[in-house]
Structure formats: C-alpha cells, structure tokens
Amino acid sequence: TAVITEREECLSIKGLRCEVCYRTCPVIDKAITVENYLNVKTGRHTIFEPVVHKKDCTGCGICEKACVLDSPAIVVQPLQPPTESWYEG
C-alpha cells in the first residue's frame, strides 16, 4: 500500500497544490483522496493534503513513479513485512 513517508517534503502539504499522486491514481477518490484545511501559517490559504486509504490502495506504484520530487514523498510499502515462515518448503 502507498504511504506518504516524507510529509515535510510533499509539495501539496507545503501548500503548493501539486496533487500529482492523487490525479494519477487509477482508484482516484478512493485509494487517495484530498483533504483540505486552512493553512495556519498564512491564515488565508488552503492546504490540500493527499490521504491514502489502505483498504482501497492496490499498491500499483503509479503514485510513487509520478511524484515530481527526486526522492518521492509517497512510496509503496508491503502491507505486512514478510516473516520467516511465509514460505515453507
């Protein structure tokens, strides 16, 4: 599932209205939605924060590949880390 791992680097969370991860998601408005709230720094502008919904994310990685940052702010991670006994035999 996708996770926003670099919140302090995400352009949308910085208030720059990027939303590339949201717009490229094949499950738009389900796997990734955009929540908006007042920017407390300016008191006037709105921040549009991408929010990943794990139950709807397919883990396709399109959002991660589309992120415009050199080191993507959103990455796909496994739902559960593999365990030693995941494969027997």
N, C-alpha and C. Protein backbone atom coordinates (compact mmCIF):
# COMPACT_ATOMS: atom_id res chain seq x y z
N THR A 1 0.83 -1.18 0.00
CA THR A 1 0.00 0.00 0.00
C THR A 1 0.88 1.25 0.00
N ALA A 2 0.38 2.32 -0.53
CA ALA A 2 1.14 3.57 -0.60
C ALA A 2 1.10 4.28 0.75
N VAL A 3 2.20 4.95 1.05
CA VAL A 3 2.31 5.71 2.30
C VAL A 3 3.05 7.00 2.00
N ILE A 4 2.57 8.11 2.53
CA ILE A 4 3.30 9.36 2.40
C ILE A 4 4.35 9.35 3.50
N THR A 5 5.59 9.09 3.09
CA THR A 5 6.68 8.92 4.05
C THR A 5 7.43 10.21 4.31
N GLU A 6 7.38 11.13 3.38
CA GLU A 6 8.12 12.39 3.50
C GLU A 6 7.14 13.56 3.56
N ARG A 7 6.38 13.62 4.63
CA ARG A 7 5.36 14.66 4.77
C ARG A 7 5.95 16.07 4.66
N GLU A 8 7.13 16.27 5.24
CA GLU A 8 7.73 17.61 5.23
C GLU A 8 8.21 18.01 3.83
N GLU A 9 8.31 17.04 2.92
CA GLU A 9 8.75 17.32 1.55
C GLU A 9 7.59 17.38 0.55
N CYS A 10 6.46 16.82 0.89
CA CYS A 10 5.31 16.76 -0.02
C CYS A 10 4.88 18.18 -0.41
N LEU A 11 4.87 18.45 -1.72
CA LEU A 11 4.54 19.80 -2.20
C LEU A 11 3.12 20.20 -1.83
N SER A 12 2.18 19.27 -1.89
CA SER A 12 0.80 19.59 -1.53
C SER A 12 0.69 19.98 -0.07
N ILE A 13 1.37 19.25 0.79
CA ILE A 13 1.32 19.56 2.22
C ILE A 13 2.03 20.88 2.52
N LYS A 14 3.00 21.23 1.68
CA LYS A 14 3.67 22.53 1.82
C LYS A 14 2.78 23.67 1.34
N GLY A 15 1.66 23.34 0.71
CA GLY A 15 0.74 24.37 0.24
C GLY A 15 0.90 24.74 -1.22
N LEU A 16 1.62 23.92 -1.99
CA LEU A 16 1.89 24.25 -3.39
C LEU A 16 0.92 23.59 -4.37
N ARG A 17 -0.05 22.88 -3.88
CA ARG A 17 -1.14 22.28 -4.69
C ARG A 17 -0.62 21.42 -5.83
N CYS A 18 0.19 20.46 -5.53
CA CYS A 18 0.76 19.55 -6.52
C CYS A 18 -0.29 18.50 -6.94
N GLU A 19 -0.66 17.64 -6.03
CA GLU A 19 -1.70 16.62 -6.23
C GLU A 19 -1.42 15.61 -7.34
N VAL A 20 -0.18 15.46 -7.79
CA VAL A 20 0.14 14.52 -8.87
C VAL A 20 -0.20 13.09 -8.45
N CYS A 21 0.14 12.71 -7.23
CA CYS A 21 -0.15 11.34 -6.77
C CYS A 21 -1.66 11.07 -6.82
N TYR A 22 -2.44 12.03 -6.39
CA TYR A 22 -3.89 11.91 -6.39
C TYR A 22 -4.44 11.77 -7.81
N ARG A 23 -3.98 12.63 -8.70
CA ARG A 23 -4.51 12.67 -10.06
C ARG A 23 -4.10 11.48 -10.92
N THR A 24 -2.96 10.85 -10.60
CA THR A 24 -2.52 9.70 -11.40
C THR A 24 -3.03 8.37 -10.85
N CYS A 25 -3.60 8.37 -9.68
CA CYS A 25 -4.08 7.13 -9.05
C CYS A 25 -5.22 6.52 -9.87
N PRO A 26 -5.10 5.24 -10.25
CA PRO A 26 -6.17 4.60 -11.01
C PRO A 26 -7.44 4.38 -10.18
N VAL A 27 -7.34 4.51 -8.87
CA VAL A 27 -8.51 4.36 -7.99
C VAL A 27 -8.78 5.74 -7.35
N ILE A 28 -8.78 6.77 -8.18
CA ILE A 28 -8.92 8.16 -7.72
C ILE A 28 -10.20 8.33 -6.89
N ASP A 29 -10.08 9.11 -5.86
CA ASP A 29 -11.16 9.39 -4.90
C ASP A 29 -11.53 8.21 -4.02
N LYS A 30 -10.77 7.13 -4.11
CA LYS A 30 -10.96 6.01 -3.19
C LYS A 30 -9.65 5.69 -2.49
N ALA A 31 -8.62 5.34 -3.27
CA ALA A 31 -7.33 4.98 -2.67
C ALA A 31 -6.60 6.22 -2.16
N ILE A 32 -6.68 7.31 -2.92
CA ILE A 32 -6.11 8.59 -2.48
C ILE A 32 -7.19 9.65 -2.62
N THR A 33 -7.43 10.34 -1.53
CA THR A 33 -8.34 11.48 -1.55
C THR A 33 -7.55 12.71 -1.14
N VAL A 34 -8.16 13.86 -1.31
CA VAL A 34 -7.50 15.11 -0.92
C VAL A 34 -8.35 15.77 0.16
N GLU A 35 -7.74 15.96 1.31
CA GLU A 35 -8.41 16.65 2.42
C GLU A 35 -7.91 18.09 2.42
N ASN A 36 -8.81 19.03 2.63
CA ASN A 36 -8.36 20.42 2.67
C ASN A 36 -8.60 21.03 4.03
N TYR A 37 -7.67 21.91 4.39
CA TYR A 37 -7.78 22.62 5.65
C TYR A 37 -7.03 23.94 5.55
N LEU A 38 -7.31 24.84 6.46
CA LEU A 38 -6.72 26.17 6.46
C LEU A 38 -5.23 26.09 6.78
N ASN A 39 -4.43 26.81 6.03
CA ASN A 39 -3.00 26.92 6.30
C ASN A 39 -2.83 27.84 7.51
N VAL A 40 -2.40 27.27 8.63
CA VAL A 40 -2.27 28.06 9.86
C VAL A 40 -1.15 29.08 9.78
N LYS A 41 -0.19 28.87 8.88
CA LYS A 41 0.91 29.84 8.74
C LYS A 41 0.43 31.15 8.14
N THR A 42 -0.44 31.06 7.14
CA THR A 42 -0.92 32.28 6.48
C THR A 42 -2.29 32.72 6.99
N GLY A 43 -3.08 31.76 7.47
CA GLY A 43 -4.42 32.09 7.94
C GLY A 43 -5.40 32.34 6.81
N ARG A 44 -4.94 32.27 5.57
CA ARG A 44 -5.81 32.57 4.43
C ARG A 44 -5.87 31.46 3.40
N HIS A 45 -4.78 30.78 3.20
CA HIS A 45 -4.70 29.80 2.12
C HIS A 45 -5.10 28.41 2.60
N THR A 46 -5.52 27.61 1.65
CA THR A 46 -5.92 26.24 1.95
C THR A 46 -4.82 25.27 1.56
N ILE A 47 -4.61 24.26 2.39
CA ILE A 47 -3.68 23.18 2.08
C ILE A 47 -4.52 21.99 1.64
N PHE A 48 -4.13 21.37 0.54
CA PHE A 48 -4.81 20.20 0.01
C PHE A 48 -3.90 19.00 0.23
N GLU A 49 -4.17 18.22 1.27
CA GLU A 49 -3.30 17.12 1.67
C GLU A 49 -3.79 15.79 1.10
N PRO A 50 -2.92 15.08 0.36
CA PRO A 50 -3.30 13.76 -0.11
C PRO A 50 -3.34 12.77 1.05
N VAL A 51 -4.39 11.96 1.09
CA VAL A 51 -4.56 10.97 2.15
C VAL A 51 -4.75 9.60 1.49
N VAL A 52 -3.92 8.63 1.88
CA VAL A 52 -4.00 7.28 1.32
C VAL A 52 -4.93 6.43 2.18
N HIS A 53 -5.85 5.73 1.54
CA HIS A 53 -6.76 4.82 2.22
C HIS A 53 -6.32 3.39 1.91
N LYS A 54 -5.70 2.76 2.88
CA LYS A 54 -5.06 1.45 2.68
C LYS A 54 -6.00 0.40 2.13
N LYS A 55 -7.25 0.41 2.55
CA LYS A 55 -8.17 -0.64 2.11
C LYS A 55 -8.48 -0.57 0.62
N ASP A 56 -8.29 0.60 0.01
CA ASP A 56 -8.58 0.76 -1.42
C ASP A 56 -7.33 0.82 -2.29
N CYS A 57 -6.16 0.99 -1.68
CA CYS A 57 -4.91 1.10 -2.44
C CYS A 57 -4.53 -0.28 -2.99
N THR A 58 -4.23 -0.33 -4.29
CA THR A 58 -3.85 -1.60 -4.92
C THR A 58 -2.35 -1.85 -4.85
N GLY A 59 -1.57 -0.84 -4.46
CA GLY A 59 -0.12 -0.99 -4.39
C GLY A 59 0.55 -0.98 -5.75
N CYS A 60 -0.09 -0.38 -6.76
CA CYS A 60 0.43 -0.40 -8.13
C CYS A 60 1.69 0.43 -8.30
N GLY A 61 1.89 1.45 -7.47
CA GLY A 61 3.11 2.26 -7.53
C GLY A 61 3.06 3.43 -8.49
N ILE A 62 1.94 3.65 -9.17
CA ILE A 62 1.83 4.76 -10.11
C ILE A 62 2.04 6.09 -9.41
N CYS A 63 1.50 6.24 -8.23
CA CYS A 63 1.66 7.49 -7.48
C CYS A 63 3.13 7.76 -7.15
N GLU A 64 3.83 6.73 -6.74
CA GLU A 64 5.26 6.86 -6.40
C GLU A 64 6.07 7.27 -7.64
N LYS A 65 5.79 6.64 -8.77
CA LYS A 65 6.52 6.96 -10.00
C LYS A 65 6.18 8.36 -10.51
N ALA A 66 4.97 8.83 -10.24
CA ALA A 66 4.52 10.13 -10.73
C ALA A 66 5.00 11.30 -9.87
N CYS A 67 5.38 11.04 -8.63
CA CYS A 67 5.81 12.12 -7.73
C CYS A 67 6.95 12.89 -8.37
N VAL A 68 6.85 14.21 -8.38
CA VAL A 68 7.82 15.06 -9.07
C VAL A 68 9.11 15.28 -8.29
N LEU A 69 9.15 14.85 -7.05
CA LEU A 69 10.35 15.04 -6.24
C LEU A 69 11.43 14.02 -6.61
N ASP A 70 12.69 14.39 -6.44
CA ASP A 70 13.80 13.46 -6.71
C ASP A 70 13.66 12.20 -5.87
N SER A 71 13.32 12.37 -4.61
CA SER A 71 13.04 11.26 -3.71
C SER A 71 11.55 11.33 -3.40
N PRO A 72 10.73 10.45 -3.96
CA PRO A 72 9.27 10.56 -3.82
C PRO A 72 8.80 10.70 -2.37
N ALA A 73 7.82 11.57 -2.18
CA ALA A 73 7.23 11.76 -0.86
C ALA A 73 6.25 10.64 -0.54
N ILE A 74 5.81 9.92 -1.56
CA ILE A 74 4.88 8.80 -1.39
C ILE A 74 5.54 7.54 -1.95
N VAL A 75 5.51 6.48 -1.18
CA VAL A 75 6.13 5.22 -1.62
C VAL A 75 5.18 4.06 -1.33
N VAL A 76 5.36 3.00 -2.09
CA VAL A 76 4.55 1.80 -1.88
C VAL A 76 5.32 0.88 -0.95
N GLN A 77 4.65 0.44 0.09
CA GLN A 77 5.24 -0.47 1.06
C GLN A 77 4.36 -1.72 1.16
N PRO A 78 4.96 -2.86 1.52
CA PRO A 78 4.15 -4.07 1.68
C PRO A 78 3.15 -3.90 2.82
N LEU A 79 2.01 -4.54 2.69
CA LEU A 79 1.01 -4.47 3.76
C LEU A 79 1.54 -5.04 5.06
N GLN A 80 2.22 -6.16 4.97
CA GLN A 80 2.80 -6.79 6.15
C GLN A 80 4.22 -7.21 5.79
N PRO A 81 5.15 -6.98 6.68
CA PRO A 81 6.51 -7.44 6.39
C PRO A 81 6.55 -8.96 6.34
N PRO A 82 7.37 -9.51 5.43
CA PRO A 82 7.46 -10.97 5.36
C PRO A 82 8.00 -11.55 6.65
N THR A 83 7.53 -12.72 6.97
CA THR A 83 8.01 -13.41 8.17
C THR A 83 8.88 -14.58 7.75
N GLU A 84 9.58 -15.14 8.69
CA GLU A 84 10.46 -16.26 8.39
C GLU A 84 9.69 -17.47 7.88
N SER A 85 8.45 -17.61 8.30
CA SER A 85 7.69 -18.80 7.93
C SER A 85 6.71 -18.55 6.78
N TRP A 86 6.89 -17.47 6.04
CA TRP A 86 5.95 -17.17 4.97
C TRP A 86 5.98 -18.22 3.87
N TYR A 87 7.10 -18.89 3.72
CA TYR A 87 7.20 -19.93 2.70
C TYR A 87 7.80 -21.17 3.33
N GLU A 88 7.08 -22.22 3.25
CA GLU A 88 7.59 -23.48 3.81
C GLU A 88 7.68 -24.50 2.70
N GLY A 89 8.90 -24.90 2.41
CA GLY A 89 9.03 -25.97 1.58
C GLY A 89 9.50 -26.12 0.29
